[in-house]
C-alpha atoms as a PDB file:
ATOM      1  CA  MET A   1      76.268 143.321 171.203  1.00  0.00           C
ATOM      2  CA  SER A   2      79.351 144.500 173.150  1.00  0.00           C
ATOM      3  CA  ILE A   3      79.516 144.689 176.931  1.00  0.00           C
ATOM      4  CA  GLN A   4      79.660 148.490 176.868  1.00  0.00           C
ATOM      5  CA  SER A   5      76.643 148.821 174.559  1.00  0.00           C
ATOM      6  CA  SER A   6      74.749 146.353 176.756  1.00  0.00           C
ATOM      7  CA  ILE A   7      75.572 148.445 179.820  1.00  0.00           C
ATOM      8  CA  ARG A   8      74.496 151.695 178.119  1.00  0.00           C
ATOM      9  CA  GLY A   9      71.256 150.124 176.900  1.00  0.00           C
ATOM     10  CA  ASN A  10      70.345 148.776 180.328  1.00  0.00           C
ATOM     11  CA  ILE A  11      71.106 152.111 182.003  1.00  0.00           C
ATOM     12  CA  THR A  12      68.850 153.962 179.543  1.00  0.00           C
ATOM     13  CA  LYS A  13      65.992 151.482 179.978  1.00  0.00           C
ATOM     14  CA  SER A  14      66.228 151.525 183.778  1.00  0.00           C
ATOM     15  CA  TYR A  15      66.125 155.300 184.089  1.00  0.00           C
ATOM     16  CA  LEU A  16      63.299 155.548 181.559  1.00  0.00           C
ATOM     17  CA  ILE A  17      61.293 153.141 183.736  1.00  0.00           C
ATOM     18  CA  MET A  18      62.277 155.234 186.757  1.00  0.00           C
ATOM     19  CA  VAL A  19      60.835 158.411 185.189  1.00  0.00           C
ATOM     20  CA  LEU A  20      57.637 156.589 184.259  1.00  0.00           C
ATOM     21  CA  PHE A  21      57.422 155.200 187.808  1.00  0.00           C
ATOM     22  CA  ILE A  22      57.591 158.709 189.302  1.00  0.00           C
ATOM     23  CA  ALA A  23      54.925 159.877 186.851  1.00  0.00           C
ATOM     24  CA  PHE A  24      52.799 156.893 187.910  1.00  0.00           C
ATOM     25  CA  VAL A  25      53.062 157.939 191.574  1.00  0.00           C
ATOM     26  CA  VAL A  26      51.981 161.489 190.699  1.00  0.00           C
ATOM     27  CA  VAL A  27      49.016 160.312 188.597  1.00  0.00           C
ATOM     28  CA  VAL A  28      47.809 157.897 191.296  1.00  0.00           C
ATOM     29  CA  GLY A  29      48.082 160.589 193.987  1.00  0.00           C
ATOM     30  CA  TYR A  30      46.245 163.128 191.822  1.00  0.00           C
ATOM     31  CA  VAL A  31      43.376 160.820 190.821  1.00  0.00           C
ATOM     32  CA  MET A  32      42.795 159.580 194.354  1.00  0.00           C
ATOM     33  CA  GLY A  33      42.886 163.128 195.701  1.00  0.00           C
ATOM     34  CA  GLN A  34      40.268 164.224 193.169  1.00  0.00           C
ATOM     35  CA  ALA A  35      38.142 161.153 193.916  1.00  0.00           C
ATOM     36  CA  LEU A  36      38.099 161.947 197.641  1.00  0.00           C
ATOM     37  CA  GLY A  37      37.409 165.617 196.985  1.00  0.00           C
ATOM     38  CA  TYR A  38      40.695 166.809 198.525  1.00  0.00           C
ATOM     39  CA  GLY A  39      42.027 168.281 195.289  1.00  0.00           C
ATOM     40  CA  ASN A  40      45.814 168.439 195.119  1.00  0.00           C
ATOM     41  CA  GLY A  41      46.137 168.177 198.898  1.00  0.00           C
ATOM     42  CA  PHE A  42      46.162 164.383 198.747  1.00  0.00           C
ATOM     43  CA  LEU A  43      48.917 164.483 196.125  1.00  0.00           C
ATOM     44  CA  TRP A  44      51.092 166.659 198.367  1.00  0.00           C
ATOM     45  CA  ILE A  45      50.572 164.200 201.246  1.00  0.00           C
ATOM     46  CA  ALA A  46      51.895 161.418 199.003  1.00  0.00           C
ATOM     47  CA  VAL A  47      54.867 163.542 197.918  1.00  0.00           C
ATOM     48  CA  LEU A  48      55.658 164.486 201.532  1.00  0.00           C
ATOM     49  CA  PHE A  49      55.507 160.828 202.598  1.00  0.00           C
ATOM     50  CA  ALA A  50      57.848 159.862 199.750  1.00  0.00           C
ATOM     51  CA  VAL A  51      60.336 162.616 200.666  1.00  0.00           C
ATOM     52  CA  ILE A  52      60.419 161.659 204.353  1.00  0.00           C
ATOM     53  CA  SER A  53      60.732 157.940 203.537  1.00  0.00           C
ATOM     54  CA  SER A  54      63.478 158.681 201.031  1.00  0.00           C
ATOM     55  CA  PHE A  55      65.422 160.672 203.612  1.00  0.00           C
ATOM     56  CA  PHE A  56      65.406 157.876 206.184  1.00  0.00           C
ATOM     57  CA  GLY A  57      65.967 155.175 203.563  1.00  0.00           C
ATOM     58  CA  TYR A  58      68.847 157.128 202.005  1.00  0.00           C
ATOM     59  CA  TYR A  59      70.795 157.524 205.243  1.00  0.00           C
ATOM     60  CA  TRP A  60      69.809 154.458 207.271  1.00  0.00           C
ATOM     61  CA  GLY A  61      68.506 151.917 204.756  1.00  0.00           C
ATOM     62  CA  ASP A  62      71.752 149.904 204.744  1.00  0.00           C
ATOM     63  CA  THR A  63      71.788 149.690 208.549  1.00  0.00           C
ATOM     64  CA  LEU A  64      68.208 148.390 208.541  1.00  0.00           C
ATOM     65  CA  VAL A  65      68.930 145.780 205.846  1.00  0.00           C
ATOM     66  CA  LEU A  66      72.003 144.491 207.695  1.00  0.00           C
ATOM     67  CA  ALA A  67      70.058 144.282 210.959  1.00  0.00           C
ATOM     68  CA  MET A  68      67.213 142.400 209.258  1.00  0.00           C
ATOM     69  CA  SER A  69      69.749 140.001 207.740  1.00  0.00           C
ATOM     70  CA  GLY A  70      71.567 139.298 211.013  1.00  0.00           C
ATOM     71  CA  ALA A  71      74.894 140.137 209.342  1.00  0.00           C
ATOM     72  CA  ARG A  72      78.169 140.531 211.246  1.00  0.00           C
ATOM     73  CA  PRO A  73      81.206 142.619 210.237  1.00  0.00           C
ATOM     74  CA  ALA A  74      83.658 140.513 208.240  1.00  0.00           C
ATOM     75  CA  ASP A  75      86.948 139.598 209.911  1.00  0.00           C
ATOM     76  CA  ARG A  76      90.100 139.948 207.800  1.00  0.00           C
ATOM     77  CA  LYS A  77      91.744 136.760 209.116  1.00  0.00           C
ATOM     78  CA  ARG A  78      88.601 134.681 209.151  1.00  0.00           C
ATOM     79  CA  ASP A  79      87.335 135.959 205.780  1.00  0.00           C
ATOM     80  CA  PHE A  80      90.689 136.556 204.085  1.00  0.00           C
ATOM     81  CA  ASP A  81      89.625 135.851 200.486  1.00  0.00           C
ATOM     82  CA  PHE A  82      86.548 138.055 200.887  1.00  0.00           C
ATOM     83  CA  PHE A  83      88.734 140.968 201.997  1.00  0.00           C
ATOM     84  CA  THR A  84      91.544 140.594 199.459  1.00  0.00           C
ATOM     85  CA  VAL A  85      89.285 139.939 196.464  1.00  0.00           C
ATOM     86  CA  THR A  86      87.154 142.975 197.315  1.00  0.00           C
ATOM     87  CA  GLU A  87      90.194 145.202 197.873  1.00  0.00           C
ATOM     88  CA  ASN A  88      91.735 144.248 194.523  1.00  0.00           C
ATOM     89  CA  LEU A  89      88.502 144.646 192.558  1.00  0.00           C
ATOM     90  CA  ALA A  90      87.618 147.955 194.251  1.00  0.00           C
ATOM     91  CA  ILE A  91      91.005 149.335 193.134  1.00  0.00           C
ATOM     92  CA  ALA A  92      90.387 148.057 189.588  1.00  0.00           C
ATOM     93  CA  ALA A  93      86.892 149.604 189.574  1.00  0.00           C
ATOM     94  CA  GLY A  94      88.201 152.917 190.917  1.00  0.00           C
ATOM     95  CA  ILE A  95      85.896 153.005 193.940  1.00  0.00           C
ATOM     96  CA  PRO A  96      86.553 152.882 197.712  1.00  0.00           C
ATOM     97  CA  LYS A  97      86.516 149.443 199.305  1.00  0.00           C
ATOM     98  CA  PRO A  98      83.028 148.959 200.747  1.00  0.00           C
ATOM     99  CA  ARG A  99      82.353 147.782 204.272  1.00  0.00           C
ATOM    100  CA  LEU A 100      82.156 143.999 204.351  1.00  0.00           C
ATOM    101  CA  TYR A 101      79.625 141.884 206.243  1.00  0.00           C
ATOM    102  CA  VAL A 102      78.932 138.174 206.500  1.00  0.00           C
ATOM    103  CA  ILE A 103      75.697 136.288 207.128  1.00  0.00           C
ATOM    104  CA  ASP A 104      76.538 133.048 208.902  1.00  0.00           C
ATOM    105  CA  ASP A 105      74.376 130.756 206.802  1.00  0.00           C
ATOM    106  CA  THR A 106      75.315 127.787 204.634  1.00  0.00           C
ATOM    107  CA  ALA A 107      73.037 128.996 201.800  1.00  0.00           C
ATOM    108  CA  MET A 108      74.984 130.641 198.966  1.00  0.00           C
ATOM    109  CA  ASN A 109      74.206 134.297 198.251  1.00  0.00           C
ATOM    110  CA  ALA A 110      75.458 137.902 198.373  1.00  0.00           C
ATOM    111  CA  PHE A 111      74.173 141.456 198.015  1.00  0.00           C
ATOM    112  CA  ALA A 112      75.262 145.101 197.987  1.00  0.00           C
ATOM    113  CA  THR A 113      73.524 148.041 199.624  1.00  0.00           C
ATOM    114  CA  GLY A 114      74.182 151.641 200.652  1.00  0.00           C
ATOM    115  CA  ARG A 115      73.648 155.043 199.054  1.00  0.00           C
ATOM    116  CA  ASP A 116      76.822 155.607 197.002  1.00  0.00           C
ATOM    117  CA  PRO A 117      80.342 154.162 196.518  1.00  0.00           C
ATOM    118  CA  GLU A 118      81.616 156.076 199.571  1.00  0.00           C
ATOM    119  CA  HIS A 119      78.932 154.543 201.829  1.00  0.00           C
ATOM    120  CA  ALA A 120      78.495 151.089 200.327  1.00  0.00           C
ATOM    121  CA  VAL A 121      78.258 147.653 201.897  1.00  0.00           C
ATOM    122  CA  VAL A 122      78.857 144.230 200.353  1.00  0.00           C
ATOM    123  CA  CYS A 123      77.478 141.286 202.286  1.00  0.00           C
ATOM    124  CA  ALA A 124      78.060 137.592 201.555  1.00  0.00           C
ATOM    125  CA  THR A 125      76.913 134.407 203.238  1.00  0.00           C
ATOM    126  CA  SER A 126      79.464 132.106 204.816  1.00  0.00           C
ATOM    127  CA  GLY A 127      78.182 129.423 202.441  1.00  0.00           C
ATOM    128  CA  ILE A 128      79.211 131.302 199.304  1.00  0.00           C
ATOM    129  CA  LEU A 129      82.599 132.228 200.784  1.00  0.00           C
ATOM    130  CA  GLU A 130      83.358 128.599 201.617  1.00  0.00           C
ATOM    131  CA  ARG A 131      82.136 126.939 198.416  1.00  0.00           C
ATOM    132  CA  LEU A 132      83.391 129.191 195.618  1.00  0.00           C
ATOM    133  CA  ASP A 133      86.967 129.180 194.392  1.00  0.00           C
ATOM    134  CA  ARG A 134      88.787 132.514 194.110  1.00  0.00           C
ATOM    135  CA  ARG A 135      87.988 133.163 190.427  1.00  0.00           C
ATOM    136  CA  GLU A 136      84.298 132.428 191.020  1.00  0.00           C
ATOM    137  CA  LEU A 137      84.273 134.655 194.099  1.00  0.00           C
ATOM    138  CA  GLU A 138      85.864 137.420 192.026  1.00  0.00           C
ATOM    139  CA  GLY A 139      82.951 137.182 189.601  1.00  0.00           C
ATOM    140  CA  VAL A 140      80.386 137.483 192.401  1.00  0.00           C
ATOM    141  CA  ILE A 141      82.151 140.351 194.181  1.00  0.00           C
ATOM    142  CA  ALA A 142      82.684 142.166 190.858  1.00  0.00           C
ATOM    143  CA  HIS A 143      78.923 141.798 190.258  1.00  0.00           C
ATOM    144  CA  GLU A 144      78.157 143.403 193.630  1.00  0.00           C
ATOM    145  CA  LEU A 145      80.762 146.162 193.148  1.00  0.00           C
ATOM    146  CA  SER A 146      79.158 146.869 189.772  1.00  0.00           C
ATOM    147  CA  HIS A 147      75.872 147.512 191.579  1.00  0.00           C
ATOM    148  CA  VAL A 148      77.800 150.019 193.713  1.00  0.00           C
ATOM    149  CA  LYS A 149      79.669 151.692 190.849  1.00  0.00           C
ATOM    150  CA  ASN A 150      76.562 151.892 188.641  1.00  0.00           C
ATOM    151  CA  PHE A 151      74.597 153.423 191.554  1.00  0.00           C
ATOM    152  CA  ASP A 152      72.105 150.561 191.382  1.00  0.00           C
ATOM    153  CA  ILE A 153      72.048 150.538 195.186  1.00  0.00           C
ATOM    154  CA  ARG A 154      70.716 154.108 195.190  1.00  0.00           C
ATOM    155  CA  LEU A 155      68.290 153.483 192.323  1.00  0.00           C
ATOM    156  CA  MET A 156      66.748 150.447 193.996  1.00  0.00           C
ATOM    157  CA  ALA A 157      66.456 152.308 197.305  1.00  0.00           C
ATOM    158  CA  ILE A 158      64.506 155.079 195.545  1.00  0.00           C
ATOM    159  CA  VAL A 159      62.307 152.556 193.738  1.00  0.00           C
ATOM    160  CA  ALA A 160      61.565 150.789 197.048  1.00  0.00           C
ATOM    161  CA  VAL A 161      60.427 154.127 198.510  1.00  0.00           C
ATOM    162  CA  LEU A 162      58.189 154.777 195.496  1.00  0.00           C
ATOM    163  CA  VAL A 163      56.605 151.337 195.853  1.00  0.00           C
ATOM    164  CA  GLY A 164      56.028 152.056 199.544  1.00  0.00           C
ATOM    165  CA  THR A 165      54.434 155.393 198.625  1.00  0.00           C
ATOM    166  CA  ILE A 166      52.052 153.725 196.175  1.00  0.00           C
ATOM    167  CA  VAL A 167      51.024 151.148 198.793  1.00  0.00           C
ATOM    168  CA  PHE A 168      50.572 153.905 201.404  1.00  0.00           C
ATOM    169  CA  ILE A 169      48.342 156.149 199.293  1.00  0.00           C
ATOM    170  CA  ALA A 170      46.269 153.191 198.042  1.00  0.00           C
ATOM    171  CA  ASP A 171      45.714 152.022 201.617  1.00  0.00           C
ATOM    172  CA  PHE A 172      44.940 155.576 202.773  1.00  0.00           C
ATOM    173  CA  PHE A 173      42.443 155.986 199.930  1.00  0.00           C
ATOM    174  CA  MET A 174      40.559 152.782 200.753  1.00  0.00           C
ATOM    175  CA  ARG A 175      40.465 153.613 204.464  1.00  0.00           C
ATOM    176  CA  SER A 176      39.149 157.091 203.649  1.00  0.00           C
ATOM    177  CA  LEU A 177      36.337 155.567 201.601  1.00  0.00           C
ATOM    178  CA  TRP A 178      35.499 153.221 204.473  1.00  0.00           C
ATOM    179  CA  TRP A 179      35.219 156.175 206.865  1.00  0.00           C
ATOM    180  CA  GLY A 180      33.169 158.246 204.420  1.00  0.00           C
ATOM    181  CA  GLY A 181      36.002 160.355 203.064  1.00  0.00           C
ATOM    182  CA  GLY A 182      34.471 160.474 199.582  1.00  0.00           C
ATOM    183  CA  ARG A 183      31.414 162.473 200.658  1.00  0.00           C
ATOM    184  CA  ARG A 184      32.785 165.686 199.166  1.00  0.00           C
ATOM    185  CA  ASN A 185      32.619 164.267 195.660  1.00  0.00           C
ATOM    186  CA  ARG A 186      29.285 162.566 196.296  1.00  0.00           C
ATOM    187  CA  ASP A 187      27.839 165.893 197.426  1.00  0.00           C
ATOM    188  CA  ARG A 188      28.947 167.458 194.137  1.00  0.00           C
ATOM    189  CA  ASP A 189      26.861 164.864 192.278  1.00  0.00           C
ATOM    190  CA  ASP A 190      28.601 165.447 188.944  1.00  0.00           C
ATOM    191  CA  ASN A 191      29.822 163.033 186.319  1.00  0.00           C
ATOM    192  CA  LEU A 192      33.487 163.978 186.761  1.00  0.00           C
ATOM    193  CA  GLY A 193      33.362 163.218 190.480  1.00  0.00           C
ATOM    194  CA  SER A 194      31.752 159.835 189.835  1.00  0.00           C
ATOM    195  CA  ILE A 195      34.309 158.960 187.160  1.00  0.00           C
ATOM    196  CA  MET A 196      37.194 159.971 189.420  1.00  0.00           C
ATOM    197  CA  MET A 197      35.780 157.815 192.210  1.00  0.00           C
ATOM    198  CA  VAL A 198      35.560 154.730 189.982  1.00  0.00           C
ATOM    199  CA  VAL A 199      39.062 155.315 188.556  1.00  0.00           C
ATOM    200  CA  GLY A 200      40.408 155.916 192.062  1.00  0.00           C
ATOM    201  CA  ILE A 201      39.005 152.605 193.350  1.00  0.00           C
ATOM    202  CA  VAL A 202      40.424 150.724 190.366  1.00  0.00           C
ATOM    203  CA  LEU A 203      43.850 152.336 190.879  1.00  0.00           C
ATOM    204  CA  ALA A 204      43.774 151.571 194.608  1.00  0.00           C
ATOM    205  CA  ILE A 205      43.349 147.888 193.758  1.00  0.00           C
ATOM    206  CA  ILE A 206      45.816 147.518 190.878  1.00  0.00           C
ATOM    207  CA  SER A 207      48.457 150.203 191.577  1.00  0.00           C
ATOM    208  CA  PRO A 208      50.308 148.282 194.361  1.00  0.00           C
ATOM    209  CA  ILE A 209      50.505 145.271 192.040  1.00  0.00           C
ATOM    210  CA  LEU A 210      51.738 147.362 189.109  1.00  0.00           C
ATOM    211  CA  ALA A 211      54.246 149.151 191.352  1.00  0.00           C
ATOM    212  CA  THR A 212      55.673 145.821 192.523  1.00  0.00           C
ATOM    213  CA  VAL A 213      55.904 144.551 188.930  1.00  0.00           C
ATOM    214  CA  ILE A 214      57.798 147.710 187.918  1.00  0.00           C
ATOM    215  CA  GLN A 215      60.161 147.340 190.886  1.00  0.00           C
ATOM    216  CA  LEU A 216      60.944 143.747 190.010  1.00  0.00           C
ATOM    217  CA  ALA A 217      61.374 144.617 186.318  1.00  0.00           C
ATOM    218  CA  ILE A 218      63.986 147.231 187.233  1.00  0.00           C
ATOM    219  CA  SER A 219      65.655 144.788 189.619  1.00  0.00           C
ATOM    220  CA  ARG A 220      65.909 142.097 186.917  1.00  0.00           C
ATOM    221  CA  ASN A 221      67.264 144.629 184.429  1.00  0.00           C
ATOM    222  CA  ARG A 222      69.956 145.756 186.867  1.00  0.00           C
ATOM    223  CA  GLU A 223      71.067 142.146 187.398  1.00  0.00           C
ATOM    224  CA  TYR A 224      71.829 141.784 183.692  1.00  0.00           C
ATOM    225  CA  LEU A 225      73.702 145.077 183.794  1.00  0.00           C
ATOM    226  CA  ALA A 226      75.746 144.016 186.830  1.00  0.00           C
ATOM    227  CA  ASP A 227      76.604 140.697 185.149  1.00  0.00           C
ATOM    228  CA  ALA A 228      77.925 142.547 182.088  1.00  0.00           C
ATOM    229  CA  SER A 229      79.810 145.030 184.271  1.00  0.00           C
ATOM    230  CA  SER A 230      81.317 142.183 186.296  1.00  0.00           C
ATOM    231  CA  ALA A 231      82.651 140.536 183.143  1.00  0.00           C
ATOM    232  CA  ASN A 232      84.046 143.877 182.010  1.00  0.00           C
ATOM    233  CA  LEU A 233      85.794 144.396 185.374  1.00  0.00           C
ATOM    234  CA  THR A 234      87.330 140.930 185.775  1.00  0.00           C
ATOM    235  CA  ARG A 235      87.876 140.295 182.046  1.00  0.00           C
ATOM    236  CA  TYR A 236      86.798 136.754 182.838  1.00  0.00           C
ATOM    237  CA  PRO A 237      83.021 136.220 182.427  1.00  0.00           C
ATOM    238  CA  GLN A 238      83.454 132.474 182.959  1.00  0.00           C
ATOM    239  CA  GLY A 239      84.183 133.060 186.642  1.00  0.00           C
ATOM    240  CA  LEU A 240      80.745 134.549 187.299  1.00  0.00           C
ATOM    241  CA  ALA A 241      79.117 131.998 184.977  1.00  0.00           C
ATOM    242  CA  ARG A 242      80.612 129.135 187.005  1.00  0.00           C
ATOM    243  CA  ALA A 243      79.561 130.822 190.255  1.00  0.00           C
ATOM    244  CA  LEU A 244      75.982 131.190 188.993  1.00  0.00           C
ATOM    245  CA  GLU A 245      75.948 127.497 188.071  1.00  0.00           C
ATOM    246  CA  LYS A 246      76.891 126.606 191.640  1.00  0.00           C
ATOM    247  CA  LEU A 247      74.316 129.062 193.006  1.00  0.00           C
ATOM    248  CA  HIS A 248      71.691 127.524 190.734  1.00  0.00           C
ATOM    249  CA  GLY A 249      72.536 124.080 192.100  1.00  0.00           C
ATOM    250  CA  ASP A 250      72.215 125.259 195.695  1.00  0.00           C
ATOM    251  CA  LYS A 251      68.593 124.671 196.734  1.00  0.00           C
ATOM    252  CA  GLU A 252      68.977 125.834 200.336  1.00  0.00           C
ATOM    253  CA  VAL A 253      66.677 128.721 201.299  1.00  0.00           C
ATOM    254  CA  LEU A 254      68.395 131.686 202.952  1.00  0.00           C
ATOM    255  CA  GLU A 255      66.559 132.084 206.267  1.00  0.00           C
ATOM    256  CA  ALA A 256      67.772 135.668 206.765  1.00  0.00           C
ATOM    257  CA  ALA A 257      66.100 136.908 203.559  1.00  0.00           C
ATOM    258  CA  THR A 258      62.678 138.576 203.552  1.00  0.00           C
ATOM    259  CA  ASN A 259      60.314 139.762 200.834  1.00  0.00           C
ATOM    260  CA  ALA A 260      61.629 143.282 201.430  1.00  0.00           C
ATOM    261  CA  THR A 261      65.276 142.312 200.853  1.00  0.00           C
ATOM    262  CA  ALA A 262      65.011 139.432 198.335  1.00  0.00           C
ATOM    263  CA  HIS A 263      65.576 141.650 195.279  1.00  0.00           C
ATOM    264  CA  LEU A 264      68.971 142.763 196.648  1.00  0.00           C
ATOM    265  CA  TYR A 265      70.599 139.324 196.406  1.00  0.00           C
ATOM    266  CA  ILE A 266      72.567 138.063 193.412  1.00  0.00           C
ATOM    267  CA  THR A 267      70.103 135.152 193.042  1.00  0.00           C
ATOM    268  CA  ASN A 268      66.635 134.485 194.427  1.00  0.00           C
ATOM    269  CA  PRO A 269      67.230 133.594 198.111  1.00  0.00           C
ATOM    270  CA  PHE A 270      63.968 131.646 198.340  1.00  0.00           C
ATOM    271  CA  LYS A 271      64.944 129.141 195.583  1.00  0.00           C
ATOM    272  CA  GLY A 272      62.851 126.479 193.956  1.00  0.00           C
ATOM    273  CA  LYS A 273      60.379 128.763 192.151  1.00  0.00           C
ATOM    274  CA  ASN A 274      60.630 128.228 188.418  1.00  0.00           C
ATOM    275  CA  TYR A 275      57.693 130.034 186.854  1.00  0.00           C
ATOM    276  CA  GLY A 276      56.675 128.783 183.462  1.00  0.00           C
ATOM    277  CA  ALA A 277      53.943 131.297 182.726  1.00  0.00           C
ATOM    278  CA  TRP A 278      54.835 134.729 181.427  1.00  0.00           C
ATOM    279  CA  PHE A 279      52.436 136.468 183.837  1.00  0.00           C
ATOM    280  CA  ALA A 280      53.793 134.621 186.862  1.00  0.00           C
ATOM    281  CA  GLY A 281      57.322 135.420 185.706  1.00  0.00           C
ATOM    282  CA  LEU A 282      56.552 139.123 186.135  1.00  0.00           C
ATOM    283  CA  PHE A 283      56.780 138.571 189.880  1.00  0.00           C
ATOM    284  CA  ASP A 284      60.217 136.933 189.839  1.00  0.00           C
ATOM    285  CA  THR A 285      62.772 138.930 191.814  1.00  0.00           C
ATOM    286  CA  HIS A 286      65.586 137.860 189.450  1.00  0.00           C
ATOM    287  CA  PRO A 287      66.056 137.000 185.773  1.00  0.00           C
ATOM    288  CA  PRO A 288      66.437 133.288 184.935  1.00  0.00           C
ATOM    289  CA  ILE A 289      69.905 132.048 185.908  1.00  0.00           C
ATOM    290  CA  ALA A 290      70.111 129.972 182.729  1.00  0.00           C
ATOM    291  CA  GLU A 291      69.684 133.123 180.638  1.00  0.00           C
ATOM    292  CA  ARG A 292      72.287 134.983 182.698  1.00  0.00           C
ATOM    293  CA  ILE A 293      74.787 132.151 182.243  1.00  0.00           C
ATOM    294  CA  LYS A 294      74.020 132.025 178.512  1.00  0.00           C
ATOM    295  CA  ARG A 295      74.769 135.738 178.140  1.00  0.00           C
ATOM    296  CA  LEU A 296      78.001 135.443 180.097  1.00  0.00           C
ATOM    297  CA  ARG A 297      79.149 132.434 178.047  1.00  0.00           C
ATOM    298  CA  ALA A 298      78.553 134.459 174.875  1.00  0.00           C
ATOM    299  CA  MET A 299      80.829 137.325 175.992  1.00  0.00           C
END
């Protein structure tokens, strides 16, 4: 399979999952609204929450992530390779040079965020800048710029909002039941109301888990896409493969990372979790590095 066909296939799969995710949000909101006896009103509350969250996440999500990570603006003299590599690759990719930030941490990692190529940010740890040679750094930066050019940064921001919406409506539903919010359906005393109540409770329990699994599945898929795009941009897949080998060998946990930001990084910032079981692997934030290196070596 060629790089371009791999990219097209991953894009199609990711957006198909995205459509199904939105449909999942609508179904969960509808069922829980019917179970509580609010009709479509509950669904509109969920939609309104998602819209408001999307608005704030779209415009200020990158600022929040950088603040949570304790990142500082990169300095051209101090971080010369970071600047020049990014400038050269941004020109080659045909996108504006993103704003550059550094996390002063000896752990090796990097991520991209923002809403589009004109408002993008690439952030790297001081550890990765110090320990990669220029060709390896090119592979990593090209990977992050691919996230920007492919609009992965926007896609993952939207998915994060949808996951938050699912968690919100599930929590709201359970709290409403606790405070007697399901009395409307109980007063109706019909089979449909009882069925909707049971289905609503089941969804409230499993939907946050399913939403998280979908988010992580999309995140893993986008990592493969960014790897392929990086190789296509640099014309040297071995650079990123060598960088991933060094990242795999680095067992230091990135203290600045959180569960909310872990999926953004090029590799799992928490390290040391090698799931053997298929079910447990569903909750990995990243695809296996060995498989990523294997694909890059085959290009």
